[in-house]
All heavy atoms as atom14 arrays in JSON, in Angstrom:
{
  "sequence": "GGRIFINTSLIDDDNLRDDCMIYKIPANTMAEGIGNIKSANMIM",
  "atom14_mask": [
    [1, 1, 1, 1, 0, 0, 0, 0, 0, 0, 0, 0, 0, 0],
    [1, 1, 1, 1, 0, 0, 0, 0, 0, 0, 0, 0, 0, 0],
    [1, 1, 1, 1, 1, 1, 1, 1, 1, 1, 1, 0, 0, 0],
    [1, 1, 1, 1, 1, 1, 1, 1, 0, 0, 0, 0, 0, 0],
    [1, 1, 1, 1, 1, 1, 1, 1, 1, 1, 1, 0, 0, 0],
    [1, 1, 1, 1, 1, 1, 1, 1, 0, 0, 0, 0, 0, 0],
    [1, 1, 1, 1, 1, 1, 1, 1, 0, 0, 0, 0, 0, 0],
    [1, 1, 1, 1, 1, 1, 1, 0, 0, 0, 0, 0, 0, 0],
    [1, 1, 1, 1, 1, 1, 0, 0, 0, 0, 0, 0, 0, 0],
    [1, 1, 1, 1, 1, 1, 1, 1, 0, 0, 0, 0, 0, 0],
    [1, 1, 1, 1, 1, 1, 1, 1, 0, 0, 0, 0, 0, 0],
    [1, 1, 1, 1, 1, 1, 1, 1, 0, 0, 0, 0, 0, 0],
    [1, 1, 1, 1, 1, 1, 1, 1, 0, 0, 0, 0, 0, 0],
    [1, 1, 1, 1, 1, 1, 1, 1, 0, 0, 0, 0, 0, 0],
    [1, 1, 1, 1, 1, 1, 1, 1, 0, 0, 0, 0, 0, 0],
    [1, 1, 1, 1, 1, 1, 1, 1, 0, 0, 0, 0, 0, 0],
    [1, 1, 1, 1, 1, 1, 1, 1, 1, 1, 1, 0, 0, 0],
    [1, 1, 1, 1, 1, 1, 1, 1, 0, 0, 0, 0, 0, 0],
    [1, 1, 1, 1, 1, 1, 1, 1, 0, 0, 0, 0, 0, 0],
    [1, 1, 1, 1, 1, 1, 0, 0, 0, 0, 0, 0, 0, 0],
    [1, 1, 1, 1, 1, 1, 1, 1, 0, 0, 0, 0, 0, 0],
    [1, 1, 1, 1, 1, 1, 1, 1, 0, 0, 0, 0, 0, 0],
    [1, 1, 1, 1, 1, 1, 1, 1, 1, 1, 1, 1, 0, 0],
    [1, 1, 1, 1, 1, 1, 1, 1, 1, 0, 0, 0, 0, 0],
    [1, 1, 1, 1, 1, 1, 1, 1, 0, 0, 0, 0, 0, 0],
    [1, 1, 1, 1, 1, 1, 1, 0, 0, 0, 0, 0, 0, 0],
    [1, 1, 1, 1, 1, 0, 0, 0, 0, 0, 0, 0, 0, 0],
    [1, 1, 1, 1, 1, 1, 1, 1, 0, 0, 0, 0, 0, 0],
    [1, 1, 1, 1, 1, 1, 1, 0, 0, 0, 0, 0, 0, 0],
    [1, 1, 1, 1, 1, 1, 1, 1, 0, 0, 0, 0, 0, 0],
    [1, 1, 1, 1, 1, 0, 0, 0, 0, 0, 0, 0, 0, 0],
    [1, 1, 1, 1, 1, 1, 1, 1, 1, 0, 0, 0, 0, 0],
    [1, 1, 1, 1, 0, 0, 0, 0, 0, 0, 0, 0, 0, 0],
    [1, 1, 1, 1, 1, 1, 1, 1, 0, 0, 0, 0, 0, 0],
    [1, 1, 1, 1, 0, 0, 0, 0, 0, 0, 0, 0, 0, 0],
    [1, 1, 1, 1, 1, 1, 1, 1, 0, 0, 0, 0, 0, 0],
    [1, 1, 1, 1, 1, 1, 1, 1, 0, 0, 0, 0, 0, 0],
    [1, 1, 1, 1, 1, 1, 1, 1, 1, 0, 0, 0, 0, 0],
    [1, 1, 1, 1, 1, 1, 0, 0, 0, 0, 0, 0, 0, 0],
    [1, 1, 1, 1, 1, 0, 0, 0, 0, 0, 0, 0, 0, 0],
    [1, 1, 1, 1, 1, 1, 1, 1, 0, 0, 0, 0, 0, 0],
    [1, 1, 1, 1, 1, 1, 1, 1, 0, 0, 0, 0, 0, 0],
    [1, 1, 1, 1, 1, 1, 1, 1, 0, 0, 0, 0, 0, 0],
    [1, 1, 1, 1, 1, 1, 1, 1, 0, 0, 0, 0, 0, 0]
  ],
  "atom14_positions": [
    [[8.02, -16.37, -3.61], [7.94, -15.85, -4.97], [6.64, -15.12, -5.25], [6.43, -14.65, -6.36], [0.0, 0.0, 0.0], [0.0, 0.0, 0.0], [0.0, 0.0, 0.0], [0.0, 0.0, 0.0], [0.0, 0.0, 0.0], [0.0, 0.0, 0.0], [0.0, 0.0, 0.0], [0.0, 0.0, 0.0], [0.0, 0.0, 0.0], [0.0, 0.0, 0.0]],
    [[5.78, -15.02, -4.24], [4.5, -14.34, -4.39], [4.64, -12.83, -4.34], [5.76, -12.29, -4.38], [0.0, 0.0, 0.0], [0.0, 0.0, 0.0], [0.0, 0.0, 0.0], [0.0, 0.0, 0.0], [0.0, 0.0, 0.0], [0.0, 0.0, 0.0], [0.0, 0.0, 0.0], [0.0, 0.0, 0.0], [0.0, 0.0, 0.0], [0.0, 0.0, 0.0]],
    [[3.51, -12.17, -4.22], [3.47, -10.71, -4.23], [2.74, -10.2, -2.99], [1.68, -10.72, -2.65], [2.76, -10.22, -5.49], [3.51, -10.53, -6.78], [2.6, -10.4, -8.0], [1.49, -11.34, -7.96], [1.52, -12.58, -8.43], [2.62, -13.06, -8.97], [0.46, -13.36, -8.36], [0.0, 0.0, 0.0], [0.0, 0.0, 0.0], [0.0, 0.0, 0.0]],
    [[3.31, -9.16, -2.38], [2.68, -8.54, -1.22], [2.55, -7.05, -1.52], [3.55, -6.37, -1.79], [3.48, -8.77, 0.07], [3.58, -10.28, 0.35], [2.84, -8.02, 1.23], [4.46, -10.64, 1.54], [0.0, 0.0, 0.0], [0.0, 0.0, 0.0], [0.0, 0.0, 0.0], [0.0, 0.0, 0.0], [0.0, 0.0, 0.0], [0.0, 0.0, 0.0]],
    [[1.32, -6.56, -1.49], [1.01, -5.16, -1.74], [0.67, -4.53, -0.39], [-0.23, -4.99, 0.3], [-0.18, -5.04, -2.69], [0.07, -5.67, -4.04], [-0.04, -7.04, -4.21], [0.44, -4.88, -5.11], [0.2, -7.63, -5.44], [0.69, -5.46, -6.36], [0.57, -6.83, -6.52], [0.0, 0.0, 0.0], [0.0, 0.0, 0.0], [0.0, 0.0, 0.0]],
    [[1.41, -3.48, -0.04], [1.29, -2.89, 1.29], [0.79, -1.46, 1.18], [1.39, -0.62, 0.5], [2.65, -2.87, 2.01], [3.25, -4.28, 2.07], [2.53, -2.27, 3.41], [4.7, -4.31, 2.51], [0.0, 0.0, 0.0], [0.0, 0.0, 0.0], [0.0, 0.0, 0.0], [0.0, 0.0, 0.0], [0.0, 0.0, 0.0], [0.0, 0.0, 0.0]],
    [[-0.32, -1.16, 1.86], [-0.8, 0.21, 1.97], [0.04, 0.89, 3.04], [-0.23, 0.8, 4.23], [-2.28, 0.23, 2.35], [-2.81, 1.64, 2.56], [-2.11, 2.62, 2.33], [-4.05, 1.73, 3.0], [0.0, 0.0, 0.0], [0.0, 0.0, 0.0], [0.0, 0.0, 0.0], [0.0, 0.0, 0.0], [0.0, 0.0, 0.0], [0.0, 0.0, 0.0]],
    [[1.1, 1.56, 2.6], [2.06, 2.15, 3.55], [1.49, 3.34, 4.31], [2.12, 3.8, 5.26], [3.36, 2.55, 2.83], [3.06, 3.47, 1.78], [4.07, 1.32, 2.27], [0.0, 0.0, 0.0], [0.0, 0.0, 0.0], [0.0, 0.0, 0.0], [0.0, 0.0, 0.0], [0.0, 0.0, 0.0], [0.0, 0.0, 0.0], [0.0, 0.0, 0.0]],
    [[0.32, 3.81, 3.93], [-0.33, 4.86, 4.7], [-0.8, 4.33, 6.06], [-0.89, 5.09, 7.02], [-1.54, 5.43, 3.95], [-1.17, 6.01, 2.74], [0.0, 0.0, 0.0], [0.0, 0.0, 0.0], [0.0, 0.0, 0.0], [0.0, 0.0, 0.0], [0.0, 0.0, 0.0], [0.0, 0.0, 0.0], [0.0, 0.0, 0.0], [0.0, 0.0, 0.0]],
    [[-1.09, 3.03, 6.13], [-1.6, 2.45, 7.37], [-0.77, 1.29, 7.9], [-1.02, 0.8, 9.0], [-3.04, 1.95, 7.16], [-4.07, 3.01, 6.79], [-5.44, 2.36, 6.57], [-4.15, 4.09, 7.84], [0.0, 0.0, 0.0], [0.0, 0.0, 0.0], [0.0, 0.0, 0.0], [0.0, 0.0, 0.0], [0.0, 0.0, 0.0], [0.0, 0.0, 0.0]],
    [[0.2, 0.83, 7.11], [1.02, -0.31, 7.53], [2.48, 0.11, 7.54], [3.02, 0.55, 6.53], [0.84, -1.52, 6.58], [-0.61, -1.99, 6.59], [1.78, -2.65, 6.98], [-0.93, -3.01, 5.5], [0.0, 0.0, 0.0], [0.0, 0.0, 0.0], [0.0, 0.0, 0.0], [0.0, 0.0, 0.0], [0.0, 0.0, 0.0], [0.0, 0.0, 0.0]],
    [[3.1, -0.02, 8.7], [4.53, 0.26, 8.85], [5.21, -1.07, 9.15], [5.05, -1.62, 10.23], [4.75, 1.25, 9.98], [6.19, 1.68, 10.12], [6.96, 1.51, 9.15], [6.55, 2.2, 11.19], [0.0, 0.0, 0.0], [0.0, 0.0, 0.0], [0.0, 0.0, 0.0], [0.0, 0.0, 0.0], [0.0, 0.0, 0.0], [0.0, 0.0, 0.0]],
    [[5.9, -1.62, 8.17], [6.5, -2.94, 8.32], [8.0, -2.86, 8.07], [8.45, -2.66, 6.95], [5.85, -3.92, 7.33], [6.29, -5.36, 7.57], [7.17, -5.6, 8.41], [5.73, -6.25, 6.9], [0.0, 0.0, 0.0], [0.0, 0.0, 0.0], [0.0, 0.0, 0.0], [0.0, 0.0, 0.0], [0.0, 0.0, 0.0], [0.0, 0.0, 0.0]],
    [[8.77, -3.03, 9.13], [10.22, -3.04, 9.01], [10.76, -4.45, 8.81], [11.96, -4.65, 8.67], [10.87, -2.43, 10.26], [10.57, -0.96, 10.39], [10.4, -0.29, 9.35], [10.49, -0.46, 11.54], [0.0, 0.0, 0.0], [0.0, 0.0, 0.0], [0.0, 0.0, 0.0], [0.0, 0.0, 0.0], [0.0, 0.0, 0.0], [0.0, 0.0, 0.0]],
    [[9.88, -5.43, 8.82], [10.29, -6.83, 8.7], [9.69, -7.43, 7.43], [8.87, -8.33, 7.47], [9.81, -7.6, 9.95], [10.4, -8.98, 10.01], [11.43, -9.26, 9.4], [9.74, -9.86, 10.74], [0.0, 0.0, 0.0], [0.0, 0.0, 0.0], [0.0, 0.0, 0.0], [0.0, 0.0, 0.0], [0.0, 0.0, 0.0], [0.0, 0.0, 0.0]],
    [[10.12, -6.9, 6.27], [9.59, -7.34, 4.99], [10.2, -8.68, 4.58], [11.37, -8.94, 4.85], [9.87, -6.29, 3.91], [9.22, -4.94, 4.13], [9.7, -3.95, 3.08], [7.7, -5.06, 4.11], [0.0, 0.0, 0.0], [0.0, 0.0, 0.0], [0.0, 0.0, 0.0], [0.0, 0.0, 0.0], [0.0, 0.0, 0.0], [0.0, 0.0, 0.0]],
    [[9.41, -9.48, 3.92], [9.9, -10.76, 3.41], [10.83, -10.51, 2.23], [10.56, -9.65, 1.38], [8.73, -11.64, 2.98], [7.95, -12.13, 4.19], [6.85, -13.07, 3.82], [7.28, -14.15, 2.96], [6.45, -15.06, 2.48], [5.17, -15.02, 2.77], [6.9, -16.02, 1.68], [0.0, 0.0, 0.0], [0.0, 0.0, 0.0], [0.0, 0.0, 0.0]],
    [[11.89, -11.28, 2.15], [12.83, -11.12, 1.04], [12.62, -12.18, -0.04], [13.33, -12.2, -1.04], [14.28, -11.12, 1.52], [14.68, -12.41, 2.22], [13.86, -13.35, 2.29], [15.82, -12.49, 2.69], [0.0, 0.0, 0.0], [0.0, 0.0, 0.0], [0.0, 0.0, 0.0], [0.0, 0.0, 0.0], [0.0, 0.0, 0.0], [0.0, 0.0, 0.0]],
    [[11.61, -13.03, 0.15], [11.34, -14.07, -0.84], [10.06, -13.79, -1.64], [9.55, -14.67, -2.32], [11.25, -15.44, -0.17], [10.13, -15.53, 0.85], [9.56, -14.47, 1.23], [9.81, -16.66, 1.29], [0.0, 0.0, 0.0], [0.0, 0.0, 0.0], [0.0, 0.0, 0.0], [0.0, 0.0, 0.0], [0.0, 0.0, 0.0], [0.0, 0.0, 0.0]],
    [[9.56, -12.57, -1.54], [8.37, -12.14, -2.27], [8.62, -10.79, -2.91], [9.47, -10.03, -2.45], [7.17, -12.01, -1.32], [6.55, -13.55, -0.66], [0.0, 0.0, 0.0], [0.0, 0.0, 0.0], [0.0, 0.0, 0.0], [0.0, 0.0, 0.0], [0.0, 0.0, 0.0], [0.0, 0.0, 0.0], [0.0, 0.0, 0.0], [0.0, 0.0, 0.0]],
    [[7.86, -10.49, -3.95], [7.87, -9.15, -4.52], [7.06, -8.27, -3.58], [5.93, -8.62, -3.22], [7.23, -9.13, -5.92], [8.03, -9.84, -6.98], [9.55, -8.97, -7.41], [8.95, -7.39, -7.93], [0.0, 0.0, 0.0], [0.0, 0.0, 0.0], [0.0, 0.0, 0.0], [0.0, 0.0, 0.0], [0.0, 0.0, 0.0], [0.0, 0.0, 0.0]],
    [[7.63, -7.15, -3.2], [6.95, -6.23, -2.29], [6.61, -4.95, -3.05], [7.47, -4.35, -3.72], [7.86, -5.88, -1.08], [8.34, -7.15, -0.36], [7.16, -4.91, -0.14], [7.27, -7.95, 0.33], [0.0, 0.0, 0.0], [0.0, 0.0, 0.0], [0.0, 0.0, 0.0], [0.0, 0.0, 0.0], [0.0, 0.0, 0.0], [0.0, 0.0, 0.0]],
    [[5.36, -4.53, -2.94], [4.88, -3.3, -3.58], [4.38, -2.37, -2.48], [3.41, -2.7, -1.79], [3.76, -3.6, -4.57], [4.16, -4.54, -5.68], [4.0, -5.92, -5.54], [4.69, -4.05, -6.86], [4.36, -6.78, -6.55], [5.05, -4.92, -7.88], [4.89, -6.29, -7.72], [5.24, -7.14, -8.74], [0.0, 0.0, 0.0], [0.0, 0.0, 0.0]],
    [[5.05, -1.25, -2.33], [4.67, -0.28, -1.3], [3.85, 0.83, -1.96], [4.35, 1.52, -2.85], [5.9, 0.31, -0.63], [6.71, -0.7, 0.14], [7.92, -0.04, 0.77], [8.72, -1.02, 1.6], [9.87, -0.36, 2.26], [0.0, 0.0, 0.0], [0.0, 0.0, 0.0], [0.0, 0.0, 0.0], [0.0, 0.0, 0.0], [0.0, 0.0, 0.0]],
    [[2.62, 0.99, -1.5], [1.69, 1.93, -2.1], [1.07, 2.78, -1.0], [0.35, 2.25, -0.15], [0.6, 1.19, -2.9], [1.26, 0.33, -3.99], [-0.4, 2.14, -3.51], [0.67, -1.01, -4.14], [0.0, 0.0, 0.0], [0.0, 0.0, 0.0], [0.0, 0.0, 0.0], [0.0, 0.0, 0.0], [0.0, 0.0, 0.0], [0.0, 0.0, 0.0]],
    [[1.3, 4.09, -0.99], [0.68, 4.95, 0.01], [-0.77, 5.27, -0.38], [-1.12, 6.42, -0.7], [1.57, 6.19, 0.0], [2.08, 6.26, -1.42], [2.22, 4.82, -1.86], [0.0, 0.0, 0.0], [0.0, 0.0, 0.0], [0.0, 0.0, 0.0], [0.0, 0.0, 0.0], [0.0, 0.0, 0.0], [0.0, 0.0, 0.0], [0.0, 0.0, 0.0]],
    [[-1.62, 4.26, -0.38], [-2.96, 4.36, -0.96], [-3.84, 5.42, -0.3], [-4.53, 6.17, -0.99], [-3.64, 3.0, -0.92], [0.0, 0.0, 0.0], [0.0, 0.0, 0.0], [0.0, 0.0, 0.0], [0.0, 0.0, 0.0], [0.0, 0.0, 0.0], [0.0, 0.0, 0.0], [0.0, 0.0, 0.0], [0.0, 0.0, 0.0], [0.0, 0.0, 0.0]],
    [[-3.84, 5.49, 1.02], [-4.68, 6.49, 1.67], [-4.23, 7.9, 1.35], [-5.05, 8.78, 1.09], [-4.7, 6.27, 3.2], [-5.53, 5.09, 3.59], [-5.31, 3.98, 3.09], [-6.47, 5.29, 4.49], [0.0, 0.0, 0.0], [0.0, 0.0, 0.0], [0.0, 0.0, 0.0], [0.0, 0.0, 0.0], [0.0, 0.0, 0.0], [0.0, 0.0, 0.0]],
    [[-2.94, 8.12, 1.35], [-2.39, 9.44, 1.01], [-2.75, 9.81, -0.42], [-3.16, 10.94, -0.71], [-0.86, 9.45, 1.21], [-0.58, 9.08, 2.56], [-0.29, 10.82, 0.91], [0.0, 0.0, 0.0], [0.0, 0.0, 0.0], [0.0, 0.0, 0.0], [0.0, 0.0, 0.0], [0.0, 0.0, 0.0], [0.0, 0.0, 0.0], [0.0, 0.0, 0.0]],
    [[-2.62, 8.85, -1.33], [-2.97, 9.09, -2.73], [-4.47, 9.36, -2.88], [-4.88, 10.23, -3.66], [-2.56, 7.9, -3.59], [-1.05, 7.7, -3.68], [-0.6, 6.14, -4.48], [-1.06, 6.49, -6.17], [0.0, 0.0, 0.0], [0.0, 0.0, 0.0], [0.0, 0.0, 0.0], [0.0, 0.0, 0.0], [0.0, 0.0, 0.0], [0.0, 0.0, 0.0]],
    [[-5.28, 8.62, -2.14], [-6.73, 8.81, -2.19], [-7.13, 10.19, -1.69], [-8.01, 10.85, -2.26], [-7.43, 7.72, -1.39], [0.0, 0.0, 0.0], [0.0, 0.0, 0.0], [0.0, 0.0, 0.0], [0.0, 0.0, 0.0], [0.0, 0.0, 0.0], [0.0, 0.0, 0.0], [0.0, 0.0, 0.0], [0.0, 0.0, 0.0], [0.0, 0.0, 0.0]],
    [[-6.48, 10.65, -0.63], [-6.74, 12.01, -0.15], [-6.4, 13.03, -1.22], [-7.08, 14.04, -1.38], [-5.93, 12.28, 1.12], [-6.43, 11.56, 2.34], [-5.5, 11.69, 3.55], [-4.4, 12.28, 3.43], [-5.87, 11.17, 4.61], [0.0, 0.0, 0.0], [0.0, 0.0, 0.0], [0.0, 0.0, 0.0], [0.0, 0.0, 0.0], [0.0, 0.0, 0.0]],
    [[-5.35, 12.75, -1.99], [-4.92, 13.65, -3.05], [-5.94, 13.8, -4.18], [-5.94, 14.81, -4.88], [0.0, 0.0, 0.0], [0.0, 0.0, 0.0], [0.0, 0.0, 0.0], [0.0, 0.0, 0.0], [0.0, 0.0, 0.0], [0.0, 0.0, 0.0], [0.0, 0.0, 0.0], [0.0, 0.0, 0.0], [0.0, 0.0, 0.0], [0.0, 0.0, 0.0]],
    [[-6.78, 12.79, -4.37], [-7.82, 12.91, -5.4], [-9.19, 13.22, -4.8], [-10.2, 13.22, -5.5], [-7.89, 11.67, -6.32], [-8.21, 10.4, -5.56], [-6.61, 11.52, -7.13], [-8.5, 9.18, -6.46], [0.0, 0.0, 0.0], [0.0, 0.0, 0.0], [0.0, 0.0, 0.0], [0.0, 0.0, 0.0], [0.0, 0.0, 0.0], [0.0, 0.0, 0.0]],
    [[-9.2, 13.5, -3.5], [-10.41, 14.03, -2.89], [-11.33, 13.06, -2.2], [-12.39, 13.45, -1.73], [0.0, 0.0, 0.0], [0.0, 0.0, 0.0], [0.0, 0.0, 0.0], [0.0, 0.0, 0.0], [0.0, 0.0, 0.0], [0.0, 0.0, 0.0], [0.0, 0.0, 0.0], [0.0, 0.0, 0.0], [0.0, 0.0, 0.0], [0.0, 0.0, 0.0]],
    [[-10.96, 11.77, -2.09], [-11.84, 10.84, -1.4], [-11.03, 9.68, -0.83], [-10.57, 8.8, -1.57], [-12.92, 10.31, -2.36], [-14.01, 9.56, -1.62], [-13.77, 8.89, -0.62], [-15.23, 9.67, -2.14], [0.0, 0.0, 0.0], [0.0, 0.0, 0.0], [0.0, 0.0, 0.0], [0.0, 0.0, 0.0], [0.0, 0.0, 0.0], [0.0, 0.0, 0.0]],
    [[-10.87, 9.67, 0.48], [-10.09, 8.65, 1.17], [-10.61, 7.24, 0.89], [-9.86, 6.28, 0.91], [-10.06, 8.93, 2.7], [-9.08, 8.01, 3.42], [-11.44, 8.79, 3.31], [-7.66, 8.36, 3.19], [0.0, 0.0, 0.0], [0.0, 0.0, 0.0], [0.0, 0.0, 0.0], [0.0, 0.0, 0.0], [0.0, 0.0, 0.0], [0.0, 0.0, 0.0]],
    [[-11.91, 7.13, 0.59], [-12.5, 5.81, 0.36], [-12.06, 5.19, -0.97], [-12.38, 4.04, -1.23], [-14.02, 5.9, 0.43], [-14.51, 6.19, 1.83], [-16.0, 6.11, 1.92], [-16.41, 6.31, 3.38], [-17.8, 5.93, 3.59], [0.0, 0.0, 0.0], [0.0, 0.0, 0.0], [0.0, 0.0, 0.0], [0.0, 0.0, 0.0], [0.0, 0.0, 0.0]],
    [[-11.33, 5.92, -1.79], [-10.85, 5.35, -3.05], [-9.51, 4.63, -2.9], [-8.97, 4.11, -3.87], [-10.77, 6.44, -4.13], [-9.83, 7.42, -3.77], [0.0, 0.0, 0.0], [0.0, 0.0, 0.0], [0.0, 0.0, 0.0], [0.0, 0.0, 0.0], [0.0, 0.0, 0.0], [0.0, 0.0, 0.0], [0.0, 0.0, 0.0], [0.0, 0.0, 0.0]],
    [[-9.0, 4.55, -1.67], [-7.73, 3.84, -1.43], [-7.83, 2.38, -1.88], [-6.86, 1.83, -2.42], [-7.35, 3.92, 0.05], [0.0, 0.0, 0.0], [0.0, 0.0, 0.0], [0.0, 0.0, 0.0], [0.0, 0.0, 0.0], [0.0, 0.0, 0.0], [0.0, 0.0, 0.0], [0.0, 0.0, 0.0], [0.0, 0.0, 0.0], [0.0, 0.0, 0.0]],
    [[-8.99, 1.77, -1.7], [-9.15, 0.37, -2.12], [-8.96, 0.22, -3.63], [-8.33, -0.74, -4.09], [-10.51, -0.18, -1.68], [-11.69, 0.52, -2.33], [-11.62, 1.69, -2.72], [-12.8, -0.18, -2.42], [0.0, 0.0, 0.0], [0.0, 0.0, 0.0], [0.0, 0.0, 0.0], [0.0, 0.0, 0.0], [0.0, 0.0, 0.0], [0.0, 0.0, 0.0]],
    [[-9.47, 1.15, -4.41], [-9.35, 1.05, -5.87], [-7.92, 1.33, -6.33], [-7.47, 0.78, -7.34], [-10.35, 1.98, -6.56], [-11.77, 1.55, -6.38], [-12.1, -0.05, -7.16], [-13.34, -0.7, -6.08], [0.0, 0.0, 0.0], [0.0, 0.0, 0.0], [0.0, 0.0, 0.0], [0.0, 0.0, 0.0], [0.0, 0.0, 0.0], [0.0, 0.0, 0.0]],
    [[-7.2, 2.16, -5.6], [-5.78, 2.37, -5.9], [-5.02, 1.07, -5.71], [-4.23, 0.65, -6.56], [-5.19, 3.5, -5.01], [-5.82, 4.84, -5.42], [-3.67, 3.54, -5.11], [-5.53, 6.0, -4.47], [0.0, 0.0, 0.0], [0.0, 0.0, 0.0], [0.0, 0.0, 0.0], [0.0, 0.0, 0.0], [0.0, 0.0, 0.0], [0.0, 0.0, 0.0]],
    [[-5.29, 0.39, -4.61], [-4.64, -0.9, -4.35], [-5.05, -1.95, -5.39], [-4.21, -2.73, -5.85], [-4.97, -1.4, -2.94], [-4.42, -0.52, -1.82], [-2.62, -0.45, -1.75], [-2.24, -2.06, -1.07], [0.0, 0.0, 0.0], [0.0, 0.0, 0.0], [0.0, 0.0, 0.0], [0.0, 0.0, 0.0], [0.0, 0.0, 0.0], [0.0, 0.0, 0.0]]
  ]
}
């Protein structure tokens, strides 16, 4: 019943848990879009 947040820019997971909420966030790609890859952590 917990939550798993996945940076899909760096994590490719085909074996997701079905008993947790899964949030897929392409954080690195989004960070590149605003001009600084190091902001991926703040997106997450």
